[in-house]
Protein backbone atom coordinates (compact mmCIF):
# COMPACT_ATOMS: atom_id res chain seq x y z
CA UNK A 1 -148.74 -30.46 -143.53
CA UNK A 2 -146.28 -31.61 -140.94
CA UNK A 3 -146.85 -30.96 -137.26
CA UNK A 4 -144.02 -29.11 -135.60
CA UNK A 5 -142.27 -30.74 -132.66
CA UNK A 6 -143.48 -27.88 -130.47
CA UNK A 7 -147.13 -28.54 -131.33
CA UNK A 8 -146.73 -32.25 -130.64
CA UNK A 9 -145.08 -31.59 -127.29
CA UNK A 10 -147.66 -28.95 -126.40
CA UNK A 11 -150.51 -31.38 -127.05
CA UNK A 12 -148.64 -34.11 -125.21
CA UNK A 13 -148.05 -31.86 -122.18
CA UNK A 14 -151.72 -30.88 -122.01
CA UNK A 15 -152.76 -34.52 -122.37
CA UNK A 16 -150.46 -35.53 -119.55
CA UNK A 17 -151.70 -32.76 -117.26
CA UNK A 18 -155.31 -33.63 -118.05
CA UNK A 19 -154.90 -37.01 -116.39
CA UNK A 20 -154.49 -35.55 -112.91
CA UNK A 21 -156.12 -32.82 -110.87
CA UNK A 22 -152.83 -32.08 -109.11
CA UNK A 23 -149.83 -30.20 -110.39
CA UNK A 24 -146.96 -32.25 -111.73
CA UNK A 25 -143.35 -31.40 -111.00
CA UNK A 26 -141.44 -29.88 -113.91
CA UNK A 27 -138.66 -32.48 -113.78
CA UNK A 28 -141.18 -35.33 -113.76
CA UNK A 29 -143.03 -33.96 -116.79
CA UNK A 30 -139.72 -33.42 -118.60
CA UNK A 31 -138.63 -36.98 -117.85
CA UNK A 32 -141.94 -38.47 -119.02
CA UNK A 33 -141.82 -36.42 -122.21
CA UNK A 34 -138.12 -37.03 -122.82
CA UNK A 35 -137.13 -33.36 -122.89
CA UNK A 36 -135.01 -31.13 -120.70
CA UNK A 37 -136.72 -29.03 -118.01
CA UNK A 38 -135.50 -25.91 -119.86
CA UNK A 39 -137.12 -27.01 -123.12
CA UNK A 40 -140.28 -27.94 -121.23
CA UNK A 41 -140.51 -24.36 -119.95
CA UNK A 42 -140.27 -23.12 -123.54
CA UNK A 43 -143.09 -25.45 -124.54
CA UNK A 44 -145.16 -24.38 -121.54
CA UNK A 45 -144.85 -20.60 -121.92
CA UNK A 46 -147.34 -20.15 -124.82
CA UNK A 47 -149.76 -22.55 -123.12
CA UNK A 48 -149.54 -20.54 -119.92
CA UNK A 49 -150.01 -17.23 -121.76
CA UNK A 50 -153.20 -18.62 -123.33
CA UNK A 51 -154.49 -19.66 -119.92
CA UNK A 52 -154.41 -23.42 -120.57
CA UNK A 53 -151.97 -24.18 -117.75
CA UNK A 54 -150.74 -22.65 -114.49
CA UNK A 55 -147.14 -22.72 -113.42
CA UNK A 56 -145.91 -23.06 -109.86
CA UNK A 57 -142.44 -21.87 -108.87
CA UNK A 58 -140.08 -23.14 -106.25
CA UNK A 59 -138.80 -26.48 -105.05
CA UNK A 60 -142.14 -28.19 -105.59
CA UNK A 61 -142.89 -26.19 -108.71
CA UNK A 62 -144.52 -27.59 -111.78
CA UNK A 63 -147.58 -27.27 -113.93
CA UNK A 64 -151.31 -27.97 -113.75
CA UNK A 65 -154.21 -27.42 -116.10
CA UNK A 66 -155.93 -24.07 -115.67
CA UNK A 67 -158.91 -25.11 -117.82
CA UNK A 68 -160.96 -28.22 -118.06
CA UNK A 69 -159.64 -30.55 -120.82
CA UNK A 70 -163.00 -30.33 -122.59
CA UNK A 71 -162.54 -26.55 -122.92
CA UNK A 72 -159.14 -26.73 -124.65
CA UNK A 73 -159.69 -26.93 -128.40
CA UNK A 74 -156.86 -28.44 -130.42
CA UNK A 75 -156.98 -25.53 -132.88
CA UNK A 76 -156.29 -23.14 -130.00
CA UNK A 77 -153.04 -25.00 -129.28
CA UNK A 78 -151.93 -24.33 -132.85
CA UNK A 79 -152.88 -20.68 -132.32
CA UNK A 80 -150.91 -20.51 -129.06
CA UNK A 81 -147.76 -21.39 -130.99
CA UNK A 82 -148.70 -19.20 -133.98
CA UNK A 83 -148.86 -22.24 -136.23
CA UNK A 84 -151.25 -22.50 -139.13
CA UNK A 85 -152.82 -25.65 -140.48
CA UNK A 86 -152.67 -24.77 -144.17
CA UNK A 87 -151.26 -27.46 -146.42
CA UNK A 88 -149.54 -25.06 -148.77
CA UNK A 89 -148.11 -21.57 -148.64
CA UNK A 90 -150.26 -20.58 -151.60
CA UNK A 91 -153.35 -20.80 -149.39
CA UNK A 92 -152.28 -17.97 -147.10
CA UNK A 93 -150.16 -16.12 -149.68
CA UNK A 94 -151.95 -16.49 -153.03
CA UNK A 95 -149.71 -13.96 -154.77
CA UNK A 96 -146.66 -16.21 -154.58
CA UNK A 97 -147.82 -18.20 -157.60
CA UNK A 98 -148.93 -16.96 -160.99
CA UNK A 99 -151.28 -19.95 -161.35
CA UNK A 100 -153.36 -19.11 -158.28
CA UNK A 101 -156.47 -17.72 -160.04
CA UNK A 102 -157.11 -20.93 -161.99
CA UNK A 103 -155.29 -23.52 -159.92
CA UNK A 104 -157.44 -26.57 -159.26
CA UNK A 105 -154.86 -27.99 -156.89
CA UNK A 106 -155.02 -24.87 -154.72
CA UNK A 107 -158.81 -25.13 -154.54
CA UNK A 108 -158.48 -28.74 -153.44
CA UNK A 109 -155.84 -27.84 -150.82
CA UNK A 110 -158.09 -25.07 -149.48
CA UNK A 111 -160.92 -27.58 -149.11
CA UNK A 112 -158.67 -30.03 -147.24
CA UNK A 113 -157.32 -27.23 -145.01
CA UNK A 114 -160.82 -26.04 -144.19
CA UNK A 115 -161.90 -29.58 -143.28
CA UNK A 116 -158.84 -30.01 -141.09
CA UNK A 117 -159.47 -26.69 -139.33
CA UNK A 118 -163.07 -27.70 -138.68
CA UNK A 119 -161.97 -30.99 -137.16
CA UNK A 120 -159.39 -29.23 -134.97
CA UNK A 121 -162.05 -26.72 -133.85
CA UNK A 122 -164.28 -29.59 -132.74
CA UNK A 123 -161.64 -31.71 -130.97
CA UNK A 124 -160.48 -31.03 -127.43
CA UNK A 125 -157.80 -32.41 -125.16
CA UNK A 126 -160.55 -34.42 -123.47
CA UNK A 127 -161.43 -36.02 -126.82
CA UNK A 128 -157.92 -37.20 -127.55
CA UNK A 129 -157.28 -38.53 -124.05
CA UNK A 130 -160.38 -40.71 -123.90
CA UNK A 131 -159.52 -44.39 -123.48
């Protein structure tokens, strides 16, 4: 499994916002993250729709956390971007391979995926931003 750039930036944005109680200006966040303000808005939109962040418009606009960092599960960030954590396509689409019924590798990949999902369910933004 390879994390998408969007997931990495989404986690990074939430981590950054978790370090302050105040909103941070869009341009400042974009500069810190090394992305354009336009791309930052694209990253932020799913997080805002899920209620993780609030956006503020205008000259002093920006973003702030809408939830406590200990309430934002890492798995829910994947869900916000409609990203799965399966290691192989055969896990979610077993009919793509004729070997699925007896495939030991698939069983192993399912086990790894389940363990990864469990870890992501138990980790929060607060957990990953602890010193």
